[in-house]
Amino acid sequence: MGFVASGMNHKMGRRAAVRRAALGFGVFLSGAAGIRPARAATAKLLILGDSITAGYGLPGAEAWPVRLEAALKAAGQDTRVIAAGVSGDTTAGGRARLDWALADTPDAVIVALGGNDGLRGLPPATTEANLDDILTRLKAKGLPVLLAGMLAPPNLGTDYGRDFAATFQNLARKHPEVVFYPFLLDGVAGDAALNQPDRIHPNPQGVAVMIGRMMPAVKELLIKARGA
């Protein structure tokens, strides 16, 4: 009996070893063929922005990222929106904290910076260089990006306004893989009924207009993310 049991144990041990070897070989082949684990059903969308992203002057539930997440889910897009907005932030600030913001391992990124550069009259070339670096680093990480453009306040003059707007157009041409939305506040800027008393930040009605106008571009971004 001891001899039989020993023989059976030996055979079972060999079979287990064969199974382990086969499993390991299969994992090796999967890696060699470039097969990656399936992406999670819920996409993570990071918004790298300033006070508009931070929801300045609004109750938390009315902030743009929160409302965008709700709108996406209502449209059948299972998405978690991560708000990385800092009030007063410039493109230089966004550039400096990019790696920190990416710690949440998003599947796609909306870059919504530049408004404070325009308000401060910073050189458009500096804004362009900062955004170019952000887009280049995101591309290197294989992350689909939506670049939201911005316009300068009219009191800074026609020439500055033209050069500032060209900043975003130049970047869209240089990075054709990026989804380009020319103006973050399209349909909202300049309308007192859609803005807070400062005439800079959208009120809840303005946020609704922002989301409605941006939704096609955001959906395009998420298609890219899910296909990555």
C-alpha atoms as a PDB file:
ATOM      1  CA  MET A   1       0.000   0.000   0.000  1.00  0.00           C
ATOM      2  CA  GLY A   2       2.795   2.432   0.855  1.00  0.00           C
ATOM      3  CA  PHE A   3       4.462   1.690  -2.507  1.00  0.00           C
ATOM      4  CA  VAL A   4       1.207   2.254  -4.418  1.00  0.00           C
ATOM      5  CA  ALA A   5       0.463   5.483  -2.569  1.00  0.00           C
ATOM      6  CA  SER A   6       3.981   6.682  -3.196  1.00  0.00           C
ATOM      7  CA  GLY A   7       3.630   5.932  -6.916  1.00  0.00           C
ATOM      8  CA  MET A   8       0.280   7.747  -7.107  1.00  0.00           C
ATOM      9  CA  ASN A   9       1.696  10.766  -5.296  1.00  0.00           C
ATOM     10  CA  HIS A  10       4.620  10.821  -7.691  1.00  0.00           C
ATOM     11  CA  LYS A  11       2.300  10.765 -10.735  1.00  0.00           C
ATOM     12  CA  MET A  12       0.084  13.491  -9.286  1.00  0.00           C
ATOM     13  CA  GLY A  13       3.127  15.617  -8.577  1.00  0.00           C
ATOM     14  CA  ARG A  14       4.311  15.224 -12.171  1.00  0.00           C
ATOM     15  CA  ARG A  15       0.889  16.160 -13.535  1.00  0.00           C
ATOM     16  CA  ALA A  16       0.794  19.300 -11.368  1.00  0.00           C
ATOM     17  CA  ALA A  17       4.261  20.266 -12.544  1.00  0.00           C
ATOM     18  CA  VAL A  18       3.201  19.819 -16.181  1.00  0.00           C
ATOM     19  CA  ARG A  19       0.141  22.001 -15.633  1.00  0.00           C
ATOM     20  CA  ARG A  20       2.262  24.712 -14.001  1.00  0.00           C
ATOM     21  CA  ALA A  21       4.752  24.591 -16.853  1.00  0.00           C
ATOM     22  CA  ALA A  22       1.993  24.837 -19.447  1.00  0.00           C
ATOM     23  CA  LEU A  23       0.438  27.793 -17.664  1.00  0.00           C
ATOM     24  CA  GLY A  24       3.766  29.572 -17.464  1.00  0.00           C
ATOM     25  CA  PHE A  25       4.430  28.931 -21.158  1.00  0.00           C
ATOM     26  CA  GLY A  26       1.003  30.318 -22.032  1.00  0.00           C
ATOM     27  CA  VAL A  27       1.688  33.487 -20.057  1.00  0.00           C
ATOM     28  CA  PHE A  28       5.031  33.802 -21.849  1.00  0.00           C
ATOM     29  CA  LEU A  29       3.373  33.465 -25.261  1.00  0.00           C
ATOM     30  CA  SER A  30       0.727  36.036 -24.320  1.00  0.00           C
ATOM     31  CA  GLY A  31       3.383  38.521 -23.336  1.00  0.00           C
ATOM     32  CA  ALA A  32       5.454  37.775 -26.430  1.00  0.00           C
ATOM     33  CA  ALA A  33       2.434  38.352 -28.652  1.00  0.00           C
ATOM     34  CA  GLY A  34       1.763  41.707 -27.027  1.00  0.00           C
ATOM     35  CA  ILE A  35      -1.538  40.606 -25.515  1.00  0.00           C
ATOM     36  CA  ARG A  36      -2.513  42.987 -22.716  1.00  0.00           C
ATOM     37  CA  PRO A  37      -5.124  42.495 -20.006  1.00  0.00           C
ATOM     38  CA  ALA A  38      -8.570  43.791 -20.912  1.00  0.00           C
ATOM     39  CA  ARG A  39      -9.120  47.437 -20.018  1.00  0.00           C
ATOM     40  CA  ALA A  40     -11.469  48.006 -17.096  1.00  0.00           C
ATOM     41  CA  ALA A  41     -15.082  48.676 -18.065  1.00  0.00           C
ATOM     42  CA  THR A  42     -15.016  52.063 -16.335  1.00  0.00           C
ATOM     43  CA  ALA A  43     -12.776  54.529 -18.176  1.00  0.00           C
ATOM     44  CA  LYS A  44     -10.861  57.064 -16.077  1.00  0.00           C
ATOM     45  CA  LEU A  45     -10.847  60.538 -17.586  1.00  0.00           C
ATOM     46  CA  LEU A  46      -8.478  63.115 -16.076  1.00  0.00           C
ATOM     47  CA  ILE A  47      -9.088  66.841 -16.520  1.00  0.00           C
ATOM     48  CA  LEU A  48      -5.909  68.867 -16.044  1.00  0.00           C
ATOM     49  CA  GLY A  49      -7.163  72.398 -15.586  1.00  0.00           C
ATOM     50  CA  ASP A  50      -7.560  75.533 -13.530  1.00  0.00           C
ATOM     51  CA  SER A  51     -10.403  77.147 -11.574  1.00  0.00           C
ATOM     52  CA  ILE A  52     -13.065  76.140 -14.100  1.00  0.00           C
ATOM     53  CA  THR A  53     -12.091  72.505 -13.560  1.00  0.00           C
ATOM     54  CA  ALA A  54     -11.883  73.102  -9.808  1.00  0.00           C
ATOM     55  CA  GLY A  55     -15.494  74.316  -9.823  1.00  0.00           C
ATOM     56  CA  TYR A  56     -14.718  77.819  -8.568  1.00  0.00           C
ATOM     57  CA  GLY A  57     -17.772  79.523  -7.063  1.00  0.00           C
ATOM     58  CA  LEU A  58     -20.031  76.480  -7.490  1.00  0.00           C
ATOM     59  CA  PRO A  59     -21.395  73.845  -5.113  1.00  0.00           C
ATOM     60  CA  GLY A  60     -19.423  70.642  -5.499  1.00  0.00           C
ATOM     61  CA  ALA A  61     -22.231  68.846  -7.307  1.00  0.00           C
ATOM     62  CA  GLU A  62     -22.403  71.623  -9.932  1.00  0.00           C
ATOM     63  CA  ALA A  63     -18.721  71.592 -10.901  1.00  0.00           C
ATOM     64  CA  TRP A  64     -17.902  70.845 -14.528  1.00  0.00           C
ATOM     65  CA  PRO A  65     -16.115  67.495 -13.895  1.00  0.00           C
ATOM     66  CA  VAL A  66     -18.956  66.195 -11.693  1.00  0.00           C
ATOM     67  CA  ARG A  67     -21.643  67.231 -14.167  1.00  0.00           C
ATOM     68  CA  LEU A  68     -19.614  65.818 -17.077  1.00  0.00           C
ATOM     69  CA  GLU A  69     -19.327  62.427 -15.377  1.00  0.00           C
ATOM     70  CA  ALA A  70     -23.084  62.355 -14.794  1.00  0.00           C
ATOM     71  CA  ALA A  71     -23.779  63.331 -18.402  1.00  0.00           C
ATOM     72  CA  LEU A  72     -21.441  60.650 -19.735  1.00  0.00           C
ATOM     73  CA  LYS A  73     -23.049  57.967 -17.608  1.00  0.00           C
ATOM     74  CA  ALA A  74     -26.495  59.105 -18.716  1.00  0.00           C
ATOM     75  CA  ALA A  75     -25.276  58.695 -22.303  1.00  0.00           C
ATOM     76  CA  GLY A  76     -24.146  55.131 -21.600  1.00  0.00           C
ATOM     77  CA  GLN A  77     -20.458  55.984 -21.162  1.00  0.00           C
ATOM     78  CA  ASP A  78     -19.220  54.325 -17.969  1.00  0.00           C
ATOM     79  CA  THR A  79     -16.619  56.914 -17.029  1.00  0.00           C
ATOM     80  CA  ARG A  80     -15.036  58.251 -13.851  1.00  0.00           C
ATOM     81  CA  VAL A  81     -13.934  61.852 -14.241  1.00  0.00           C
ATOM     82  CA  ILE A  82     -10.909  62.861 -12.163  1.00  0.00           C
ATOM     83  CA  ALA A  83     -10.748  66.598 -11.487  1.00  0.00           C
ATOM     84  CA  ALA A  84      -7.168  67.882 -11.385  1.00  0.00           C
ATOM     85  CA  GLY A  85      -8.049  71.565 -11.342  1.00  0.00           C
ATOM     86  CA  VAL A  86      -6.150  74.193  -9.372  1.00  0.00           C
ATOM     87  CA  SER A  87      -7.583  77.725  -9.139  1.00  0.00           C
ATOM     88  CA  GLY A  88      -5.218  80.298 -10.584  1.00  0.00           C
ATOM     89  CA  ASP A  89      -3.066  77.690 -12.279  1.00  0.00           C
ATOM     90  CA  THR A  90      -1.190  78.575 -15.464  1.00  0.00           C
ATOM     91  CA  THR A  91       0.149  76.257 -18.149  1.00  0.00           C
ATOM     92  CA  ALA A  92       3.482  76.326 -16.296  1.00  0.00           C
ATOM     93  CA  GLY A  93       1.759  75.081 -13.150  1.00  0.00           C
ATOM     94  CA  GLY A  94      -0.008  72.311 -15.036  1.00  0.00           C
ATOM     95  CA  ARG A  95       3.270  71.310 -16.643  1.00  0.00           C
ATOM     96  CA  ALA A  96       4.971  71.131 -13.234  1.00  0.00           C
ATOM     97  CA  ARG A  97       2.302  68.929 -11.637  1.00  0.00           C
ATOM     98  CA  LEU A  98       1.560  66.655 -14.596  1.00  0.00           C
ATOM     99  CA  ASP A  99       3.301  63.575 -13.182  1.00  0.00           C
ATOM    100  CA  TRP A 100       1.508  64.006  -9.865  1.00  0.00           C
ATOM    101  CA  ALA A 101      -1.850  64.248 -11.648  1.00  0.00           C
ATOM    102  CA  LEU A 102      -1.121  61.070 -13.608  1.00  0.00           C
ATOM    103  CA  ALA A 103      -0.727  59.063 -10.398  1.00  0.00           C
ATOM    104  CA  ASP A 104      -4.425  58.182 -10.757  1.00  0.00           C
ATOM    105  CA  THR A 105      -3.500  56.249 -13.948  1.00  0.00           C
ATOM    106  CA  PRO A 106      -6.145  57.743 -16.254  1.00  0.00           C
ATOM    107  CA  ASP A 107      -7.126  56.215 -19.585  1.00  0.00           C
ATOM    108  CA  ALA A 108      -7.504  59.630 -21.250  1.00  0.00           C
ATOM    109  CA  VAL A 109      -6.787  63.286 -20.448  1.00  0.00           C
ATOM    110  CA  ILE A 110      -8.483  66.605 -21.138  1.00  0.00           C
ATOM    111  CA  VAL A 111      -5.995  69.487 -21.036  1.00  0.00           C
ATOM    112  CA  ALA A 112      -7.952  72.637 -20.147  1.00  0.00           C
ATOM    113  CA  LEU A 113      -5.275  75.192 -19.317  1.00  0.00           C
ATOM    114  CA  GLY A 114      -4.345  78.624 -20.608  1.00  0.00           C
ATOM    115  CA  GLY A 115      -7.062  80.887 -19.267  1.00  0.00           C
ATOM    116  CA  ASN A 116      -4.850  82.337 -16.554  1.00  0.00           C
ATOM    117  CA  ASP A 117      -1.981  82.782 -18.996  1.00  0.00           C
ATOM    118  CA  GLY A 118      -4.289  85.009 -21.031  1.00  0.00           C
ATOM    119  CA  LEU A 119      -5.607  86.906 -18.018  1.00  0.00           C
ATOM    120  CA  ARG A 120      -2.034  87.679 -16.959  1.00  0.00           C
ATOM    121  CA  GLY A 121      -0.925  88.613 -20.458  1.00  0.00           C
ATOM    122  CA  LEU A 122       1.836  85.991 -20.485  1.00  0.00           C
ATOM    123  CA  PRO A 123       3.751  85.559 -23.767  1.00  0.00           C
ATOM    124  CA  PRO A 124       1.830  83.213 -26.092  1.00  0.00           C
ATOM    125  CA  ALA A 125       5.103  81.519 -27.015  1.00  0.00           C
ATOM    126  CA  THR A 126       5.570  80.524 -23.363  1.00  0.00           C
ATOM    127  CA  THR A 127       2.029  79.167 -23.169  1.00  0.00           C
ATOM    128  CA  GLU A 128       2.617  77.178 -26.341  1.00  0.00           C
ATOM    129  CA  ALA A 129       5.899  75.725 -25.067  1.00  0.00           C
ATOM    130  CA  ASN A 130       4.306  74.607 -21.795  1.00  0.00           C
ATOM    131  CA  LEU A 131       1.349  72.964 -23.503  1.00  0.00           C
ATOM    132  CA  ASP A 132       3.594  71.378 -26.119  1.00  0.00           C
ATOM    133  CA  ASP A 133       5.608  69.729 -23.351  1.00  0.00           C
ATOM    134  CA  ILE A 134       2.426  68.446 -21.660  1.00  0.00           C
ATOM    135  CA  LEU A 135       1.065  66.988 -24.909  1.00  0.00           C
ATOM    136  CA  THR A 136       4.411  65.416 -25.799  1.00  0.00           C
ATOM    137  CA  ARG A 137       4.694  63.711 -22.416  1.00  0.00           C
ATOM    138  CA  LEU A 138       1.122  62.423 -22.566  1.00  0.00           C
ATOM    139  CA  LYS A 139       1.735  61.052 -26.053  1.00  0.00           C
ATOM    140  CA  ALA A 140       4.854  59.261 -24.808  1.00  0.00           C
ATOM    141  CA  LYS A 141       2.671  57.533 -22.214  1.00  0.00           C
ATOM    142  CA  GLY A 142       0.193  56.443 -24.876  1.00  0.00           C
ATOM    143  CA  LEU A 143      -2.660  58.512 -23.443  1.00  0.00           C
ATOM    144  CA  PRO A 144      -5.345  59.927 -25.755  1.00  0.00           C
ATOM    145  CA  VAL A 145      -5.783  63.671 -25.201  1.00  0.00           C
ATOM    146  CA  LEU A 146      -8.401  66.344 -25.785  1.00  0.00           C
ATOM    147  CA  LEU A 147      -6.911  69.826 -25.954  1.00  0.00           C
ATOM    148  CA  ALA A 148      -9.395  72.538 -25.020  1.00  0.00           C
ATOM    149  CA  GLY A 149      -8.438  75.900 -26.455  1.00  0.00           C
ATOM    150  CA  MET A 150      -8.873  79.283 -24.819  1.00  0.00           C
ATOM    151  CA  LEU A 151      -9.209  82.917 -25.949  1.00  0.00           C
ATOM    152  CA  ALA A 152      -7.556  85.948 -24.384  1.00  0.00           C
ATOM    153  CA  PRO A 153      -9.596  88.796 -22.849  1.00  0.00           C
ATOM    154  CA  PRO A 154     -10.364  91.472 -25.466  1.00  0.00           C
ATOM    155  CA  ASN A 155      -8.829  94.238 -23.328  1.00  0.00           C
ATOM    156  CA  LEU A 156      -5.344  92.897 -24.111  1.00  0.00           C
ATOM    157  CA  GLY A 157      -5.583  94.001 -27.704  1.00  0.00           C
ATOM    158  CA  THR A 158      -6.185  92.478 -31.116  1.00  0.00           C
ATOM    159  CA  ASP A 159      -2.597  91.405 -31.753  1.00  0.00           C
ATOM    160  CA  TYR A 160      -2.251  89.603 -28.433  1.00  0.00           C
ATOM    161  CA  GLY A 161      -5.628  87.944 -28.864  1.00  0.00           C
ATOM    162  CA  ARG A 162      -4.684  86.714 -32.333  1.00  0.00           C
ATOM    163  CA  ASP A 163      -1.327  85.340 -31.208  1.00  0.00           C
ATOM    164  CA  PHE A 164      -2.840  83.705 -28.129  1.00  0.00           C
ATOM    165  CA  ALA A 165      -5.553  81.924 -30.129  1.00  0.00           C
ATOM    166  CA  ALA A 166      -2.931  80.790 -32.658  1.00  0.00           C
ATOM    167  CA  THR A 167      -1.103  79.037 -29.821  1.00  0.00           C
ATOM    168  CA  PHE A 168      -3.772  76.337 -29.624  1.00  0.00           C
ATOM    169  CA  GLN A 169      -4.189  76.074 -33.374  1.00  0.00           C
ATOM    170  CA  ASN A 170      -0.430  75.558 -33.758  1.00  0.00           C
ATOM    171  CA  LEU A 171      -0.502  72.779 -31.168  1.00  0.00           C
ATOM    172  CA  ALA A 172      -3.429  71.059 -32.883  1.00  0.00           C
ATOM    173  CA  ARG A 173      -1.440  70.992 -36.131  1.00  0.00           C
ATOM    174  CA  LYS A 174       1.735  69.798 -34.404  1.00  0.00           C
ATOM    175  CA  HIS A 175      -0.139  67.044 -32.531  1.00  0.00           C
ATOM    176  CA  PRO A 176      -2.716  65.738 -35.048  1.00  0.00           C
ATOM    177  CA  GLU A 177      -3.466  62.739 -32.849  1.00  0.00           C
ATOM    178  CA  VAL A 178      -5.020  65.068 -30.262  1.00  0.00           C
ATOM    179  CA  VAL A 179      -8.768  65.740 -30.235  1.00  0.00           C
ATOM    180  CA  PHE A 180      -8.969  69.526 -30.561  1.00  0.00           C
ATOM    181  CA  TYR A 181     -11.835  71.540 -29.086  1.00  0.00           C
ATOM    182  CA  PRO A 182     -11.059  75.143 -30.066  1.00  0.00           C
ATOM    183  CA  PHE A 183     -12.652  77.040 -27.162  1.00  0.00           C
ATOM    184  CA  LEU A 184     -13.478  75.643 -23.728  1.00  0.00           C
ATOM    185  CA  LEU A 185     -16.096  78.325 -23.056  1.00  0.00           C
ATOM    186  CA  ASP A 186     -17.759  78.210 -26.458  1.00  0.00           C
ATOM    187  CA  GLY A 187     -21.320  79.491 -26.165  1.00  0.00           C
ATOM    188  CA  VAL A 188     -20.720  80.643 -22.590  1.00  0.00           C
ATOM    189  CA  ALA A 189     -18.109  83.419 -22.627  1.00  0.00           C
ATOM    190  CA  GLY A 190     -19.581  86.898 -22.706  1.00  0.00           C
ATOM    191  CA  ASP A 191     -23.104  85.800 -21.796  1.00  0.00           C
ATOM    192  CA  ALA A 192     -24.041  87.259 -18.409  1.00  0.00           C
ATOM    193  CA  ALA A 193     -26.858  84.737 -17.989  1.00  0.00           C
ATOM    194  CA  LEU A 194     -24.372  81.856 -18.170  1.00  0.00           C
ATOM    195  CA  ASN A 195     -21.622  83.249 -15.975  1.00  0.00           C
ATOM    196  CA  GLN A 196     -21.042  84.143 -12.353  1.00  0.00           C
ATOM    197  CA  PRO A 197     -20.836  87.844 -11.421  1.00  0.00           C
ATOM    198  CA  ASP A 198     -17.100  87.886 -12.235  1.00  0.00           C
ATOM    199  CA  ARG A 199     -17.995  87.226 -15.906  1.00  0.00           C
ATOM    200  CA  ILE A 200     -15.156  84.683 -16.036  1.00  0.00           C
ATOM    201  CA  HIS A 201     -16.456  81.489 -14.460  1.00  0.00           C
ATOM    202  CA  PRO A 202     -19.583  79.699 -15.697  1.00  0.00           C
ATOM    203  CA  ASN A 203     -22.597  79.316 -13.446  1.00  0.00           C
ATOM    204  CA  PRO A 204     -24.582  76.032 -13.386  1.00  0.00           C
ATOM    205  CA  GLN A 205     -26.436  77.018 -16.565  1.00  0.00           C
ATOM    206  CA  GLY A 206     -23.130  77.803 -18.228  1.00  0.00           C
ATOM    207  CA  VAL A 207     -21.676  74.458 -17.174  1.00  0.00           C
ATOM    208  CA  ALA A 208     -24.634  72.723 -18.834  1.00  0.00           C
ATOM    209  CA  VAL A 209     -23.920  74.571 -22.081  1.00  0.00           C
ATOM    210  CA  MET A 210     -20.214  73.693 -21.875  1.00  0.00           C
ATOM    211  CA  ILE A 211     -20.981  70.010 -21.482  1.00  0.00           C
ATOM    212  CA  GLY A 212     -23.568  69.940 -24.238  1.00  0.00           C
ATOM    213  CA  ARG A 213     -21.205  71.552 -26.729  1.00  0.00           C
ATOM    214  CA  MET A 214     -18.160  69.502 -25.734  1.00  0.00           C
ATOM    215  CA  MET A 215     -19.879  66.132 -25.546  1.00  0.00           C
ATOM    216  CA  PRO A 216     -19.145  65.000 -29.142  1.00  0.00           C
ATOM    217  CA  ALA A 217     -15.439  65.760 -28.698  1.00  0.00           C
ATOM    218  CA  VAL A 218     -15.339  64.012 -25.306  1.00  0.00           C
ATOM    219  CA  LYS A 219     -17.026  60.936 -26.773  1.00  0.00           C
ATOM    220  CA  GLU A 220     -14.443  60.914 -29.567  1.00  0.00           C
ATOM    221  CA  LEU A 221     -11.718  60.998 -26.928  1.00  0.00           C
ATOM    222  CA  LEU A 222     -13.256  58.062 -25.045  1.00  0.00           C
ATOM    223  CA  ILE A 223     -13.496  56.037 -28.263  1.00  0.00           C
ATOM    224  CA  LYS A 224      -9.764  56.540 -28.665  1.00  0.00           C
ATOM    225  CA  ALA A 225      -9.198  55.542 -25.035  1.00  0.00           C
ATOM    226  CA  ARG A 226     -11.234  52.342 -25.263  1.00  0.00           C
ATOM    227  CA  GLY A 227      -9.503  51.385 -28.482  1.00  0.00           C
ATOM    228  CA  ALA A 228      -6.012  51.999 -27.115  1.00  0.00           C
END
